[in-house]
Amino acid sequence: MIKDNRMIYPPIPELTENYRHNRYELVIAVAKGAHKVTGEYLSMRANAERMIAEEKVDKPMLSLIDPEYRDQKAIRIAISRLHEGRYRMESTPAEAEPKED
């Protein structure tokens, strides 16, 4: 992954599929993805703590957690997964306004 001097990588047009989705949808998708990533991390951590408490392993807790989760923030992981296609955004059609007779 080659980074450029932009603050956000990948750039917003790439994440929104050339503006097929708007920024609001992008923010919601990334937030939901980050929430999922946090849940996965907490599950891994609980499993590691249980293994240590039951003395099944002789390693420090950090070595039992996937480096992706350990070394990056949930938002960064969610953005990467969205960019890689592991997560995707789905547009919901706008609700039709009621018709007047």
PDB file of N, CA and C in Angstrom:
ATOM      1  N   MET A   1       0.855  -1.170   0.000  1.00  0.00           N
ATOM      2  CA  MET A   1       0.000   0.000   0.000  1.00  0.00           C
ATOM      3  C   MET A   1       0.902   1.234   0.000  1.00  0.00           C
ATOM      4  N   ILE A   2       0.832   2.024  -1.044  1.00  0.00           N
ATOM      5  CA  ILE A   2       1.626   3.241  -1.163  1.00  0.00           C
ATOM      6  C   ILE A   2       0.802   4.403  -0.643  1.00  0.00           C
ATOM      7  N   LYS A   3       1.390   5.119   0.292  1.00  0.00           N
ATOM      8  CA  LYS A   3       0.690   6.269   0.858  1.00  0.00           C
ATOM      9  C   LYS A   3       1.184   7.537   0.180  1.00  0.00           C
ATOM     10  N   ASP A   4       0.300   8.502   0.063  1.00  0.00           N
ATOM     11  CA  ASP A   4       0.713   9.798  -0.445  1.00  0.00           C
ATOM     12  C   ASP A   4       0.602  10.801   0.701  1.00  0.00           C
ATOM     13  N   ASN A   5       0.674  12.070   0.399  1.00  0.00           N
ATOM     14  CA  ASN A   5       0.690  13.094   1.440  1.00  0.00           C
ATOM     15  C   ASN A   5      -0.690  13.506   1.924  1.00  0.00           C
ATOM     16  N   ARG A   6      -1.711  12.811   1.538  1.00  0.00           N
ATOM     17  CA  ARG A   6      -3.053  13.143   1.992  1.00  0.00           C
ATOM     18  C   ARG A   6      -3.233  12.695   3.435  1.00  0.00           C
ATOM     19  N   MET A   7      -4.161  13.358   4.118  1.00  0.00           N
ATOM     20  CA  MET A   7      -4.433  12.968   5.499  1.00  0.00           C
ATOM     21  C   MET A   7      -5.169  11.639   5.558  1.00  0.00           C
ATOM     22  N   ILE A   8      -6.045  11.403   4.612  1.00  0.00           N
ATOM     23  CA  ILE A   8      -6.842  10.191   4.624  1.00  0.00           C
ATOM     24  C   ILE A   8      -6.374   9.293   3.489  1.00  0.00           C
ATOM     25  N   TYR A   9      -5.999   8.105   3.839  1.00  0.00           N
ATOM     26  CA  TYR A   9      -5.685   7.114   2.819  1.00  0.00           C
ATOM     27  C   TYR A   9      -6.494   5.882   3.118  1.00  0.00           C
ATOM     28  N   PRO A  10      -7.137   5.333   2.212  1.00  0.00           N
ATOM     29  CA  PRO A  10      -7.285   5.714   0.817  1.00  0.00           C
ATOM     30  C   PRO A  10      -8.176   6.939   0.667  1.00  0.00           C
ATOM     31  N   PRO A  11      -8.060   7.644  -0.450  1.00  0.00           N
ATOM     32  CA  PRO A  11      -8.863   8.855  -0.640  1.00  0.00           C
ATOM     33  C   PRO A  11     -10.364   8.546  -0.675  1.00  0.00           C
ATOM     34  N   ILE A  12     -11.139   9.531  -0.321  1.00  0.00           N
ATOM     35  CA  ILE A  12     -12.592   9.372  -0.221  1.00  0.00           C
ATOM     36  C   ILE A  12     -13.221   8.872  -1.526  1.00  0.00           C
ATOM     37  N   PRO A  13     -12.823   9.368  -2.707  1.00  0.00           N
ATOM     38  CA  PRO A  13     -13.445   8.830  -3.932  1.00  0.00           C
ATOM     39  C   PRO A  13     -13.278   7.310  -4.075  1.00  0.00           C
ATOM     40  N   GLU A  14     -12.135   6.779  -3.642  1.00  0.00           N
ATOM     41  CA  GLU A  14     -11.939   5.328  -3.710  1.00  0.00           C
ATOM     42  C   GLU A  14     -12.867   4.607  -2.742  1.00  0.00           C
ATOM     43  N   LEU A  15     -13.037   5.164  -1.559  1.00  0.00           N
ATOM     44  CA  LEU A  15     -13.886   4.525  -0.555  1.00  0.00           C
ATOM     45  C   LEU A  15     -15.365   4.613  -0.903  1.00  0.00           C
ATOM     46  N   THR A  16     -15.749   5.681  -1.577  1.00  0.00           N
ATOM     47  CA  THR A  16     -17.167   5.864  -1.918  1.00  0.00           C
ATOM     48  C   THR A  16     -17.487   5.373  -3.325  1.00  0.00           C
ATOM     49  N   GLU A  17     -16.543   4.639  -3.917  1.00  0.00           N
ATOM     50  CA  GLU A  17     -16.709   4.125  -5.278  1.00  0.00           C
ATOM     51  C   GLU A  17     -17.036   5.266  -6.237  1.00  0.00           C
ATOM     52  N   ASN A  18     -16.127   6.248  -6.251  1.00  0.00           N
ATOM     53  CA  ASN A  18     -16.278   7.455  -7.082  1.00  0.00           C
ATOM     54  C   ASN A  18     -17.607   8.153  -6.831  1.00  0.00           C
ATOM     55  N   TYR A  19     -17.879   8.355  -5.571  1.00  0.00           N
ATOM     56  CA  TYR A  19     -19.052   9.095  -5.082  1.00  0.00           C
ATOM     57  C   TYR A  19     -20.381   8.402  -5.377  1.00  0.00           C
ATOM     58  N   ARG A  20     -20.339   7.094  -5.608  1.00  0.00           N
ATOM     59  CA  ARG A  20     -21.593   6.348  -5.733  1.00  0.00           C
ATOM     60  C   ARG A  20     -22.325   6.374  -4.391  1.00  0.00           C
ATOM     61  N   HIS A  21     -21.541   6.402  -3.318  1.00  0.00           N
ATOM     62  CA  HIS A  21     -22.075   6.551  -1.964  1.00  0.00           C
ATOM     63  C   HIS A  21     -21.644   7.923  -1.464  1.00  0.00           C
ATOM     64  N   ASN A  22     -22.449   8.534  -0.619  1.00  0.00           N
ATOM     65  CA  ASN A  22     -22.057   9.844  -0.111  1.00  0.00           C
ATOM     66  C   ASN A  22     -21.212   9.704   1.158  1.00  0.00           C
ATOM     67  N   ARG A  23     -20.680  10.808   1.628  1.00  0.00           N
ATOM     68  CA  ARG A  23     -19.799  10.780   2.798  1.00  0.00           C
ATOM     69  C   ARG A  23     -20.515  10.323   4.056  1.00  0.00           C
ATOM     70  N   TYR A  24     -21.776  10.666   4.175  1.00  0.00           N
ATOM     71  CA  TYR A  24     -22.548  10.234   5.337  1.00  0.00           C
ATOM     72  C   TYR A  24     -22.607   8.708   5.376  1.00  0.00           C
ATOM     73  N   GLU A  25     -22.883   8.080   4.239  1.00  0.00           N
ATOM     74  CA  GLU A  25     -22.914   6.617   4.176  1.00  0.00           C
ATOM     75  C   GLU A  25     -21.547   6.034   4.513  1.00  0.00           C
ATOM     76  N   LEU A  26     -20.492   6.700   4.065  1.00  0.00           N
ATOM     77  CA  LEU A  26     -19.137   6.251   4.368  1.00  0.00           C
ATOM     78  C   LEU A  26     -18.871   6.292   5.869  1.00  0.00           C
ATOM     79  N   VAL A  27     -19.242   7.385   6.507  1.00  0.00           N
ATOM     80  CA  VAL A  27     -19.023   7.522   7.953  1.00  0.00           C
ATOM     81  C   VAL A  27     -19.782   6.435   8.709  1.00  0.00           C
ATOM     82  N   ILE A  28     -21.029   6.208   8.335  1.00  0.00           N
ATOM     83  CA  ILE A  28     -21.836   5.181   8.996  1.00  0.00           C
ATOM     84  C   ILE A  28     -21.217   3.798   8.782  1.00  0.00           C
ATOM     85  N   ALA A  29     -20.798   3.509   7.563  1.00  0.00           N
ATOM     86  CA  ALA A  29     -20.201   2.202   7.263  1.00  0.00           C
ATOM     87  C   ALA A  29     -18.915   1.981   8.056  1.00  0.00           C
ATOM     88  N   VAL A  30     -18.064   3.004   8.127  1.00  0.00           N
ATOM     89  CA  VAL A  30     -16.812   2.873   8.871  1.00  0.00           C
ATOM     90  C   VAL A  30     -17.097   2.715  10.365  1.00  0.00           C
ATOM     91  N   ALA A  31     -18.063   3.458  10.882  1.00  0.00           N
ATOM     92  CA  ALA A  31     -18.408   3.337  12.303  1.00  0.00           C
ATOM     93  C   ALA A  31     -18.925   1.935  12.623  1.00  0.00           C
ATOM     94  N   LYS A  32     -19.776   1.405  11.764  1.00  0.00           N
ATOM     95  CA  LYS A  32     -20.288   0.043  11.983  1.00  0.00           C
ATOM     96  C   LYS A  32     -19.160  -0.980  11.879  1.00  0.00           C
ATOM     97  N   GLY A  33     -18.266  -0.776  10.922  1.00  0.00           N
ATOM     98  CA  GLY A  33     -17.120  -1.675  10.783  1.00  0.00           C
ATOM     99  C   GLY A  33     -16.212  -1.618  11.998  1.00  0.00           C
ATOM    100  N   ALA A  34     -15.963  -0.413  12.504  1.00  0.00           N
ATOM    101  CA  ALA A  34     -15.116  -0.253  13.689  1.00  0.00           C
ATOM    102  C   ALA A  34     -15.764  -0.900  14.907  1.00  0.00           C
ATOM    103  N   HIS A  35     -17.084  -0.809  14.994  1.00  0.00           N
ATOM    104  CA  HIS A  35     -17.800  -1.451  16.100  1.00  0.00           C
ATOM    105  C   HIS A  35     -17.622  -2.972  16.029  1.00  0.00           C
ATOM    106  N   LYS A  36     -17.701  -3.512  14.835  1.00  0.00           N
ATOM    107  CA  LYS A  36     -17.506  -4.950  14.643  1.00  0.00           C
ATOM    108  C   LYS A  36     -16.074  -5.353  14.996  1.00  0.00           C
ATOM    109  N   VAL A  37     -15.104  -4.566  14.566  1.00  0.00           N
ATOM    110  CA  VAL A  37     -13.694  -4.841  14.858  1.00  0.00           C
ATOM    111  C   VAL A  37     -13.454  -4.816  16.366  1.00  0.00           C
ATOM    112  N   THR A  38     -14.042  -3.845  17.050  1.00  0.00           N
ATOM    113  CA  THR A  38     -13.895  -3.756  18.502  1.00  0.00           C
ATOM    114  C   THR A  38     -14.461  -5.001  19.171  1.00  0.00           C
ATOM    115  N   GLY A  39     -15.602  -5.470  18.700  1.00  0.00           N
ATOM    116  CA  GLY A  39     -16.184  -6.696  19.236  1.00  0.00           C
ATOM    117  C   GLY A  39     -15.273  -7.896  19.028  1.00  0.00           C
ATOM    118  N   GLU A  40     -14.664  -7.986  17.849  1.00  0.00           N
ATOM    119  CA  GLU A  40     -13.730  -9.080  17.561  1.00  0.00           C
ATOM    120  C   GLU A  40     -12.519  -9.005  18.492  1.00  0.00           C
ATOM    121  N   TYR A  41     -11.995  -7.797  18.698  1.00  0.00           N
ATOM    122  CA  TYR A  41     -10.851  -7.617  19.591  1.00  0.00           C
ATOM    123  C   TYR A  41     -11.203  -8.033  21.016  1.00  0.00           C
ATOM    124  N   LEU A  42     -12.367  -7.586  21.495  1.00  0.00           N
ATOM    125  CA  LEU A  42     -12.777  -7.925  22.862  1.00  0.00           C
ATOM    126  C   LEU A  42     -12.959  -9.429  23.027  1.00  0.00           C
ATOM    127  N   SER A  43     -13.461 -10.080  22.007  1.00  0.00           N
ATOM    128  CA  SER A  43     -13.615 -11.532  22.046  1.00  0.00           C
ATOM    129  C   SER A  43     -12.251 -12.220  22.129  1.00  0.00           C
ATOM    130  N   MET A  44     -11.301 -11.764  21.306  1.00  0.00           N
ATOM    131  CA  MET A  44      -9.943 -12.316  21.340  1.00  0.00           C
ATOM    132  C   MET A  44      -9.292 -12.109  22.697  1.00  0.00           C
ATOM    133  N   ARG A  45      -9.479 -10.903  23.241  1.00  0.00           N
ATOM    134  CA  ARG A  45      -8.873 -10.591  24.534  1.00  0.00           C
ATOM    135  C   ARG A  45      -9.470 -11.454  25.646  1.00  0.00           C
ATOM    136  N   ALA A  46     -10.789 -11.624  25.638  1.00  0.00           N
ATOM    137  CA  ALA A  46     -11.442 -12.458  26.653  1.00  0.00           C
ATOM    138  C   ALA A  46     -10.954 -13.901  26.546  1.00  0.00           C
ATOM    139  N   ASN A  47     -10.803 -14.386  25.321  1.00  0.00           N
ATOM    140  CA  ASN A  47     -10.303 -15.741  25.111  1.00  0.00           C
ATOM    141  C   ASN A  47      -8.871 -15.868  25.632  1.00  0.00           C
ATOM    142  N   ALA A  48      -8.040 -14.871  25.356  1.00  0.00           N
ATOM    143  CA  ALA A  48      -6.654 -14.888  25.835  1.00  0.00           C
ATOM    144  C   ALA A  48      -6.607 -14.856  27.359  1.00  0.00           C
ATOM    145  N   GLU A  49      -7.432 -14.012  27.973  1.00  0.00           N
ATOM    146  CA  GLU A  49      -7.468 -13.942  29.437  1.00  0.00           C
ATOM    147  C   GLU A  49      -7.909 -15.273  30.039  1.00  0.00           C
ATOM    148  N   ARG A  50      -8.893 -15.915  29.412  1.00  0.00           N
ATOM    149  CA  ARG A  50      -9.379 -17.207  29.902  1.00  0.00           C
ATOM    150  C   ARG A  50      -8.276 -18.268  29.797  1.00  0.00           C
ATOM    151  N   MET A  51      -7.556 -18.268  28.675  1.00  0.00           N
ATOM    152  CA  MET A  51      -6.478 -19.245  28.500  1.00  0.00           C
ATOM    153  C   MET A  51      -5.377 -19.044  29.531  1.00  0.00           C
ATOM    154  N   ILE A  52      -5.066 -17.792  29.831  1.00  0.00           N
ATOM    155  CA  ILE A  52      -4.032 -17.500  30.828  1.00  0.00           C
ATOM    156  C   ILE A  52      -4.511 -17.903  32.216  1.00  0.00           C
ATOM    157  N   ALA A  53      -5.766 -17.583  32.537  1.00  0.00           N
ATOM    158  CA  ALA A  53      -6.313 -17.923  33.854  1.00  0.00           C
ATOM    159  C   ALA A  53      -6.358 -19.436  34.067  1.00  0.00           C
ATOM    160  N   GLU A  54      -6.657 -20.175  33.017  1.00  0.00           N
ATOM    161  CA  GLU A  54      -6.718 -21.637  33.116  1.00  0.00           C
ATOM    162  C   GLU A  54      -5.344 -22.276  32.934  1.00  0.00           C
ATOM    163  N   GLU A  55      -4.322 -21.442  32.773  1.00  0.00           N
ATOM    164  CA  GLU A  55      -2.931 -21.874  32.611  1.00  0.00           C
ATOM    165  C   GLU A  55      -2.747 -22.829  31.431  1.00  0.00           C
ATOM    166  N   LYS A  56      -3.476 -22.568  30.354  1.00  0.00           N
ATOM    167  CA  LYS A  56      -3.334 -23.367  29.135  1.00  0.00           C
ATOM    168  C   LYS A  56      -2.152 -22.906  28.292  1.00  0.00           C
ATOM    169  N   VAL A  57      -1.724 -21.667  28.499  1.00  0.00           N
ATOM    170  CA  VAL A  57      -0.599 -21.116  27.738  1.00  0.00           C
ATOM    171  C   VAL A  57       0.386 -20.466  28.697  1.00  0.00           C
ATOM    172  N   ASP A  58       1.595 -20.331  28.209  1.00  0.00           N
ATOM    173  CA  ASP A  58       2.651 -19.723  29.013  1.00  0.00           C
ATOM    174  C   ASP A  58       3.189 -18.479  28.306  1.00  0.00           C
ATOM    175  N   LYS A  59       2.304 -17.755  27.623  1.00  0.00           N
ATOM    176  CA  LYS A  59       2.699 -16.575  26.854  1.00  0.00           C
ATOM    177  C   LYS A  59       2.028 -15.344  27.440  1.00  0.00           C
ATOM    178  N   PRO A  60       2.598 -14.165  27.172  1.00  0.00           N
ATOM    179  CA  PRO A  60       1.903 -12.933  27.589  1.00  0.00           C
ATOM    180  C   PRO A  60       0.649 -12.721  26.738  1.00  0.00           C
ATOM    181  N   MET A  61      -0.310 -12.005  27.306  1.00  0.00           N
ATOM    182  CA  MET A  61      -1.594 -11.817  26.633  1.00  0.00           C
ATOM    183  C   MET A  61      -1.439 -11.181  25.250  1.00  0.00           C
ATOM    184  N   LEU A  62      -0.571 -10.190  25.124  1.00  0.00           N
ATOM    185  CA  LEU A  62      -0.435  -9.501  23.833  1.00  0.00           C
ATOM    186  C   LEU A  62      -0.002 -10.432  22.707  1.00  0.00           C
ATOM    187  N   SER A  63       0.750 -11.463  23.029  1.00  0.00           N
ATOM    188  CA  SER A  63       1.180 -12.387  21.973  1.00  0.00           C
ATOM    189  C   SER A  63       0.043 -13.296  21.514  1.00  0.00           C
ATOM    190  N   LEU A  64      -1.045 -13.356  22.276  1.00  0.00           N
ATOM    191  CA  LEU A  64      -2.190 -14.193  21.919  1.00  0.00           C
ATOM    192  C   LEU A  64      -3.221 -13.444  21.072  1.00  0.00           C
ATOM    193  N   ILE A  65      -3.034 -12.136  20.916  1.00  0.00           N
ATOM    194  CA  ILE A  65      -3.975 -11.313  20.156  1.00  0.00           C
ATOM    195  C   ILE A  65      -3.374 -11.022  18.786  1.00  0.00           C
ATOM    196  N   ASP A  66      -4.191 -11.152  17.753  1.00  0.00           N
ATOM    197  CA  ASP A  66      -3.764 -10.907  16.374  1.00  0.00           C
ATOM    198  C   ASP A  66      -3.124  -9.522  16.265  1.00  0.00           C
ATOM    199  N   PRO A  67      -1.926  -9.423  15.661  1.00  0.00           N
ATOM    200  CA  PRO A  67      -1.241  -8.125  15.549  1.00  0.00           C
ATOM    201  C   PRO A  67      -2.064  -7.038  14.865  1.00  0.00           C
ATOM    202  N   GLU A  68      -2.913  -7.410  13.915  1.00  0.00           N
ATOM    203  CA  GLU A  68      -3.748  -6.410  13.249  1.00  0.00           C
ATOM    204  C   GLU A  68      -4.597  -5.668  14.281  1.00  0.00           C
ATOM    205  N   TYR A  69      -5.184  -6.391  15.198  1.00  0.00           N
ATOM    206  CA  TYR A  69      -6.038  -5.791  16.224  1.00  0.00           C
ATOM    207  C   TYR A  69      -5.206  -5.086  17.290  1.00  0.00           C
ATOM    208  N   ARG A  70      -4.052  -5.633  17.570  1.00  0.00           N
ATOM    209  CA  ARG A  70      -3.207  -5.114  18.637  1.00  0.00           C
ATOM    210  C   ARG A  70      -2.522  -3.809  18.243  1.00  0.00           C
ATOM    211  N   ASP A  71      -2.135  -3.689  16.982  1.00  0.00           N
ATOM    212  CA  ASP A  71      -1.287  -2.579  16.560  1.00  0.00           C
ATOM    213  C   ASP A  71      -2.010  -1.434  15.865  1.00  0.00           C
ATOM    214  N   GLN A  72      -3.283  -1.617  15.505  1.00  0.00           N
ATOM    215  CA  GLN A  72      -4.001  -0.571  14.783  1.00  0.00           C
ATOM    216  C   GLN A  72      -5.303  -0.232  15.488  1.00  0.00           C
ATOM    217  N   LYS A  73      -5.759   0.964  15.253  1.00  0.00           N
ATOM    218  CA  LYS A  73      -7.049   1.378  15.812  1.00  0.00           C
ATOM    219  C   LYS A  73      -8.179   0.768  14.988  1.00  0.00           C
ATOM    220  N   ALA A  74      -9.322   0.601  15.633  1.00  0.00           N
ATOM    221  CA  ALA A  74     -10.474  -0.030  14.987  1.00  0.00           C
ATOM    222  C   ALA A  74     -10.907   0.727  13.730  1.00  0.00           C
ATOM    223  N   ILE A  75     -10.845   2.049  13.767  1.00  0.00           N
ATOM    224  CA  ILE A  75     -11.238   2.859  12.600  1.00  0.00           C
ATOM    225  C   ILE A  75     -10.329   2.554  11.408  1.00  0.00           C
ATOM    226  N   ARG A  76      -9.039   2.488  11.643  1.00  0.00           N
ATOM    227  CA  ARG A  76      -8.076   2.211  10.568  1.00  0.00           C
ATOM    228  C   ARG A  76      -8.331   0.824   9.969  1.00  0.00           C
ATOM    229  N   ILE A  77      -8.598  -0.159  10.826  1.00  0.00           N
ATOM    230  CA  ILE A  77      -8.872  -1.515  10.338  1.00  0.00           C
ATOM    231  C   ILE A  77     -10.141  -1.517   9.494  1.00  0.00           C
ATOM    232  N   ALA A  78     -11.183  -0.832   9.967  1.00  0.00           N
ATOM    233  CA  ALA A  78     -12.453  -0.782   9.231  1.00  0.00           C
ATOM    234  C   ALA A  78     -12.272  -0.113   7.871  1.00  0.00           C
ATOM    235  N   ILE A  79     -11.514   0.973   7.820  1.00  0.00           N
ATOM    236  CA  ILE A  79     -11.260   1.656   6.545  1.00  0.00           C
ATOM    237  C   ILE A  79     -10.491   0.733   5.599  1.00  0.00           C
ATOM    238  N   SER A  80      -9.488   0.049   6.115  1.00  0.00           N
ATOM    239  CA  SER A  80      -8.712  -0.874   5.274  1.00  0.00           C
ATOM    240  C   SER A  80      -9.584  -1.992   4.728  1.00  0.00           C
ATOM    241  N   ARG A  81     -10.438  -2.540   5.575  1.00  0.00           N
ATOM    242  CA  ARG A  81     -11.312  -3.632   5.130  1.00  0.00           C
ATOM    243  C   ARG A  81     -12.324  -3.144   4.099  1.00  0.00           C
ATOM    244  N   LEU A  82     -12.798  -1.942   4.262  1.00  0.00           N
ATOM    245  CA  LEU A  82     -13.726  -1.364   3.285  1.00  0.00           C
ATOM    246  C   LEU A  82     -13.015  -1.181   1.944  1.00  0.00           C
ATOM    247  N   HIS A  83     -11.799  -0.684   1.993  1.00  0.00           N
ATOM    248  CA  HIS A  83     -11.017  -0.455   0.779  1.00  0.00           C
ATOM    249  C   HIS A  83     -10.662  -1.772   0.087  1.00  0.00           C
ATOM    250  N   GLU A  84     -10.354  -2.810   0.873  1.00  0.00           N
ATOM    251  CA  GLU A  84      -9.992  -4.115   0.314  1.00  0.00           C
ATOM    252  C   GLU A  84     -11.200  -4.887  -0.213  1.00  0.00           C
ATOM    253  N   GLY A  85     -12.398  -4.437   0.146  1.00  0.00           N
ATOM    254  CA  GLY A  85     -13.602  -5.132  -0.294  1.00  0.00           C
ATOM    255  C   GLY A  85     -14.106  -6.168   0.690  1.00  0.00           C
ATOM    256  N   ARG A  86     -13.459  -6.280   1.843  1.00  0.00           N
ATOM    257  CA  ARG A  86     -13.926  -7.229   2.858  1.00  0.00           C
ATOM    258  C   ARG A  86     -15.209  -6.731   3.508  1.00  0.00           C
ATOM    259  N   TYR A  87     -15.388  -5.420   3.555  1.00  0.00           N
ATOM    260  CA  TYR A  87     -16.640  -4.801   3.980  1.00  0.00           C
ATOM    261  C   TYR A  87     -17.166  -4.055   2.764  1.00  0.00           C
ATOM    262  N   ARG A  88     -18.466  -3.904   2.688  1.00  0.00           N
ATOM    263  CA  ARG A  88     -19.011  -3.124   1.582  1.00  0.00           C
ATOM    264  C   ARG A  88     -20.199  -2.307   2.064  1.00  0.00           C
ATOM    265  N   MET A  89     -20.439  -1.230   1.354  1.00  0.00           N
ATOM    266  CA  MET A  89     -21.571  -0.360   1.669  1.00  0.00           C
ATOM    267  C   MET A  89     -22.726  -0.725   0.762  1.00  0.00           C
ATOM    268  N   GLU A  90     -23.897  -0.716   1.335  1.00  0.00           N
ATOM    269  CA  GLU A  90     -25.101  -0.941   0.545  1.00  0.00           C
ATOM    270  C   GLU A  90     -25.976   0.289   0.665  1.00  0.00           C
ATOM    271  N   SER A  91     -26.394   0.795  -0.464  1.00  0.00           N
ATOM    272  CA  SER A  91     -27.290   1.951  -0.455  1.00  0.00           C
ATOM    273  C   SER A  91     -28.716   1.464  -0.300  1.00  0.00           C
ATOM    274  N   THR A  92     -29.449   2.171   0.516  1.00  0.00           N
ATOM    275  CA  THR A  92     -30.873   1.874   0.626  1.00  0.00           C
ATOM    276  C   THR A  92     -31.602   2.919  -0.190  1.00  0.00           C
ATOM    277  N   PRO A  93     -32.575   2.516  -0.979  1.00  0.00           N
ATOM    278  CA  PRO A  93     -33.281   3.504  -1.793  1.00  0.00           C
ATOM    279  C   PRO A  93     -33.994   4.511  -0.902  1.00  0.00           C
ATOM    280  N   ALA A  94     -33.977   5.743  -1.339  1.00  0.00           N
ATOM    281  CA  ALA A  94     -34.655   6.794  -0.568  1.00  0.00           C
ATOM    282  C   ALA A  94     -36.141   6.478  -0.504  1.00  0.00           C
ATOM    283  N   GLU A  95     -36.713   6.732   0.647  1.00  0.00           N
ATOM    284  CA  GLU A  95     -38.141   6.459   0.810  1.00  0.00           C
ATOM    285  C   GLU A  95     -38.934   7.441  -0.045  1.00  0.00           C
ATOM    286  N   ALA A  96     -39.892   6.905  -0.721  1.00  0.00           N
ATOM    287  CA  ALA A  96     -40.733   7.746  -1.578  1.00  0.00           C
ATOM    288  C   ALA A  96     -41.615   8.632  -0.706  1.00  0.00           C
ATOM    289  N   GLU A  97     -41.738   9.866  -1.133  1.00  0.00           N
ATOM    290  CA  GLU A  97     -42.604  10.773  -0.377  1.00  0.00           C
ATOM    291  C   GLU A  97     -44.056  10.433  -0.665  1.00  0.00           C
ATOM    292  N   PRO A  98     -44.928  10.635   0.320  1.00  0.00           N
ATOM    293  CA  PRO A  98     -46.343  10.319   0.091  1.00  0.00           C
ATOM    294  C   PRO A  98     -46.912  11.160  -1.049  1.00  0.00           C
ATOM    295  N   LYS A  99     -47.707  10.513  -1.849  1.00  0.00           N
ATOM    296  CA  LYS A  99     -48.330  11.214  -2.981  1.00  0.00           C
ATOM    297  C   LYS A  99     -49.625  11.858  -2.523  1.00  0.00           C
ATOM    298  N   GLU A 100     -49.853  13.028  -3.051  1.00  0.00           N
ATOM    299  CA  GLU A 100     -51.119  13.710  -2.751  1.00  0.00           C
ATOM    300  C   GLU A 100     -52.107  13.414  -3.861  1.00  0.00           C
ATOM    301  N   ASP A 101     -53.365  13.218  -3.496  1.00  0.00           N
ATOM    302  CA  ASP A 101     -54.416  12.949  -4.501  1.00  0.00           C
ATOM    303  C   ASP A 101     -54.922  14.205  -5.124  1.00  0.00           C
TER     304      ASP A 101
END
